[in-house]
Amino acid sequence: MANTQSNTGNPKVDLEFRRKKNKEEMKYQVVSFVLMIFLTLLAFLAVGAEMSKYFIVPFIILMAIVQCIFQLYYFMHMNHKGHETPALFLYSGLAVGLITILAFTTIIWW
């Protein structure tokens, strides 16, 4: 996001600026919450429609990954400045996890 502080010394302008930022932030959180509910319903519908398990399992995993991204960026405020170090550790852990899953999958299938 852009600069979240107003540089004016006027308290009324600063209050107005914070209200505008809070309104914008709330809009993003509501939209991401609705999208997460929608993705959850899609996963339930895929299971309820009795589709092939070879489609359902990767589909549910994909929905879970997308929901994690929404939660990290909008509910955990990872999109704000100053969260570069936690993001680095998060992405590093994700990379290690994916490499581990890939390695075990390769060993099992071989």
C-alpha atoms as a PDB file:
ATOM      1  CA  MET A   1       0.000   0.000   0.000  1.00  0.00           C
ATOM      2  CA  ALA A   2       0.999   3.605  -0.330  1.00  0.00           C
ATOM      3  CA  ASN A   3       2.120   5.865   2.460  1.00  0.00           C
ATOM      4  CA  THR A   4      -0.279   5.416   5.387  1.00  0.00           C
ATOM      5  CA  GLN A   5       0.608   8.632   7.195  1.00  0.00           C
ATOM      6  CA  SER A   6      -0.527  12.119   6.416  1.00  0.00           C
ATOM      7  CA  ASN A   7       2.242  14.699   6.421  1.00  0.00           C
ATOM      8  CA  THR A   8       0.071  17.629   7.363  1.00  0.00           C
ATOM      9  CA  GLY A   9       0.083  18.937  10.896  1.00  0.00           C
ATOM     10  CA  ASN A  10      -3.675  19.451  10.854  1.00  0.00           C
ATOM     11  CA  PRO A  11      -5.464  16.985  13.200  1.00  0.00           C
ATOM     12  CA  LYS A  12      -8.731  17.251  11.244  1.00  0.00           C
ATOM     13  CA  VAL A  13      -6.996  16.318   7.973  1.00  0.00           C
ATOM     14  CA  ASP A  14      -5.150  13.468   9.743  1.00  0.00           C
ATOM     15  CA  LEU A  15      -8.434  12.133  11.153  1.00  0.00           C
ATOM     16  CA  GLU A  16     -10.067  12.308   7.741  1.00  0.00           C
ATOM     17  CA  PHE A  17      -7.072  10.538   6.190  1.00  0.00           C
ATOM     18  CA  ARG A  18      -7.217   7.712   8.764  1.00  0.00           C
ATOM     19  CA  ARG A  19     -10.968   7.278   8.263  1.00  0.00           C
ATOM     20  CA  LYS A  20     -10.473   7.012   4.508  1.00  0.00           C
ATOM     21  CA  LYS A  21      -7.689   4.425   4.957  1.00  0.00           C
ATOM     22  CA  ASN A  22      -9.757   2.431   7.473  1.00  0.00           C
ATOM     23  CA  LYS A  23     -12.741   2.417   5.103  1.00  0.00           C
ATOM     24  CA  GLU A  24     -10.538   1.211   2.254  1.00  0.00           C
ATOM     25  CA  GLU A  25      -8.987  -1.503   4.454  1.00  0.00           C
ATOM     26  CA  MET A  26     -12.420  -2.687   5.619  1.00  0.00           C
ATOM     27  CA  LYS A  27     -13.598  -2.927   2.009  1.00  0.00           C
ATOM     28  CA  TYR A  28     -10.659  -5.197   1.146  1.00  0.00           C
ATOM     29  CA  GLN A  29     -11.314  -7.390   4.190  1.00  0.00           C
ATOM     30  CA  VAL A  30     -15.017  -7.779   3.392  1.00  0.00           C
ATOM     31  CA  VAL A  31     -14.288  -8.632  -0.250  1.00  0.00           C
ATOM     32  CA  SER A  32     -11.662 -11.206   0.722  1.00  0.00           C
ATOM     33  CA  PHE A  33     -14.009 -12.714   3.335  1.00  0.00           C
ATOM     34  CA  VAL A  34     -16.768 -13.101   0.729  1.00  0.00           C
ATOM     35  CA  LEU A  35     -14.275 -14.686  -1.679  1.00  0.00           C
ATOM     36  CA  MET A  36     -13.138 -17.134   1.012  1.00  0.00           C
ATOM     37  CA  ILE A  37     -16.751 -18.145   1.703  1.00  0.00           C
ATOM     38  CA  PHE A  38     -17.268 -18.596  -2.046  1.00  0.00           C
ATOM     39  CA  LEU A  39     -14.136 -20.781  -2.355  1.00  0.00           C
ATOM     40  CA  THR A  40     -15.276 -22.879   0.603  1.00  0.00           C
ATOM     41  CA  LEU A  41     -18.679 -23.373  -1.014  1.00  0.00           C
ATOM     42  CA  LEU A  42     -16.986 -24.407  -4.262  1.00  0.00           C
ATOM     43  CA  ALA A  43     -15.001 -27.049  -2.390  1.00  0.00           C
ATOM     44  CA  PHE A  44     -18.148 -28.343  -0.676  1.00  0.00           C
ATOM     45  CA  LEU A  45     -20.011 -28.446  -3.995  1.00  0.00           C
ATOM     46  CA  ALA A  46     -17.181 -30.397  -5.633  1.00  0.00           C
ATOM     47  CA  VAL A  47     -17.362 -33.003  -2.885  1.00  0.00           C
ATOM     48  CA  GLY A  48     -21.167 -32.995  -2.866  1.00  0.00           C
ATOM     49  CA  ALA A  49     -21.340 -33.518  -6.631  1.00  0.00           C
ATOM     50  CA  GLU A  50     -19.410 -36.781  -6.141  1.00  0.00           C
ATOM     51  CA  MET A  51     -16.770 -35.908  -8.696  1.00  0.00           C
ATOM     52  CA  SER A  52     -13.658 -37.995  -9.179  1.00  0.00           C
ATOM     53  CA  LYS A  53     -11.278 -38.023  -6.232  1.00  0.00           C
ATOM     54  CA  TYR A  54      -8.463 -37.273  -8.669  1.00  0.00           C
ATOM     55  CA  PHE A  55     -10.139 -33.936  -9.351  1.00  0.00           C
ATOM     56  CA  ILE A  56     -11.462 -33.176  -5.867  1.00  0.00           C
ATOM     57  CA  VAL A  57      -8.209 -33.537  -3.896  1.00  0.00           C
ATOM     58  CA  PRO A  58      -6.089 -31.155  -6.037  1.00  0.00           C
ATOM     59  CA  PHE A  59      -9.072 -28.788  -6.325  1.00  0.00           C
ATOM     60  CA  ILE A  60      -9.508 -28.583  -2.545  1.00  0.00           C
ATOM     61  CA  ILE A  61      -5.759 -28.101  -2.063  1.00  0.00           C
ATOM     62  CA  LEU A  62      -5.815 -25.265  -4.609  1.00  0.00           C
ATOM     63  CA  MET A  63      -8.769 -23.639  -2.824  1.00  0.00           C
ATOM     64  CA  ALA A  64      -6.895 -23.936   0.493  1.00  0.00           C
ATOM     65  CA  ILE A  65      -3.779 -22.283  -0.950  1.00  0.00           C
ATOM     66  CA  VAL A  66      -5.809 -19.385  -2.353  1.00  0.00           C
ATOM     67  CA  GLN A  67      -7.574 -18.944   0.986  1.00  0.00           C
ATOM     68  CA  CYS A  68      -4.247 -18.909   2.841  1.00  0.00           C
ATOM     69  CA  ILE A  69      -3.002 -16.168   0.533  1.00  0.00           C
ATOM     70  CA  PHE A  70      -6.137 -14.096   1.136  1.00  0.00           C
ATOM     71  CA  GLN A  71      -5.854 -14.547   4.885  1.00  0.00           C
ATOM     72  CA  LEU A  72      -2.185 -13.628   4.986  1.00  0.00           C
ATOM     73  CA  TYR A  73      -2.455 -10.562   2.829  1.00  0.00           C
ATOM     74  CA  TYR A  74      -5.726  -9.092   4.041  1.00  0.00           C
ATOM     75  CA  PHE A  75      -6.465 -10.434   7.519  1.00  0.00           C
ATOM     76  CA  MET A  76      -2.850 -10.677   8.736  1.00  0.00           C
ATOM     77  CA  HIS A  77      -1.961  -7.363   7.013  1.00  0.00           C
ATOM     78  CA  MET A  78       1.030  -8.821   5.166  1.00  0.00           C
ATOM     79  CA  ASN A  79       0.423  -6.286   2.394  1.00  0.00           C
ATOM     80  CA  HIS A  80       1.504  -3.400   4.658  1.00  0.00           C
ATOM     81  CA  LYS A  81       4.992  -1.947   4.785  1.00  0.00           C
ATOM     82  CA  GLY A  82       7.331  -3.366   7.399  1.00  0.00           C
ATOM     83  CA  HIS A  83       6.303  -6.995   6.918  1.00  0.00           C
ATOM     84  CA  GLU A  84       9.057  -7.948   4.495  1.00  0.00           C
ATOM     85  CA  THR A  85      10.986 -10.114   6.981  1.00  0.00           C
ATOM     86  CA  PRO A  86       7.966 -12.200   8.077  1.00  0.00           C
ATOM     87  CA  ALA A  87       7.025 -12.570   4.415  1.00  0.00           C
ATOM     88  CA  LEU A  88      10.548 -13.801   3.616  1.00  0.00           C
ATOM     89  CA  PHE A  89      10.341 -16.468   6.331  1.00  0.00           C
ATOM     90  CA  LEU A  90       6.841 -17.422   5.230  1.00  0.00           C
ATOM     91  CA  TYR A  91       7.851 -17.852   1.603  1.00  0.00           C
ATOM     92  CA  SER A  92      11.013 -19.711   2.609  1.00  0.00           C
ATOM     93  CA  GLY A  93       8.954 -22.124   4.685  1.00  0.00           C
ATOM     94  CA  LEU A  94       6.526 -22.548   1.818  1.00  0.00           C
ATOM     95  CA  ALA A  95       9.402 -23.354  -0.557  1.00  0.00           C
ATOM     96  CA  VAL A  96      10.879 -25.900   1.876  1.00  0.00           C
ATOM     97  CA  GLY A  97       7.445 -27.484   2.344  1.00  0.00           C
ATOM     98  CA  LEU A  98       6.794 -27.737  -1.386  1.00  0.00           C
ATOM     99  CA  ILE A  99      10.238 -29.204  -2.055  1.00  0.00           C
ATOM    100  CA  THR A 100       9.694 -31.750   0.733  1.00  0.00           C
ATOM    101  CA  ILE A 101       6.301 -32.773  -0.653  1.00  0.00           C
ATOM    102  CA  LEU A 102       7.768 -33.015  -4.151  1.00  0.00           C
ATOM    103  CA  ALA A 103      10.663 -35.157  -2.883  1.00  0.00           C
ATOM    104  CA  PHE A 104       8.403 -37.550  -0.961  1.00  0.00           C
ATOM    105  CA  THR A 105       5.989 -37.784  -3.875  1.00  0.00           C
ATOM    106  CA  THR A 106       8.851 -38.599  -6.226  1.00  0.00           C
ATOM    107  CA  ILE A 107      10.213 -41.260  -3.853  1.00  0.00           C
ATOM    108  CA  ILE A 108       6.793 -42.879  -3.438  1.00  0.00           C
ATOM    109  CA  TRP A 109       6.026 -42.954  -7.160  1.00  0.00           C
ATOM    110  CA  TRP A 110       9.425 -44.268  -8.147  1.00  0.00           C
END
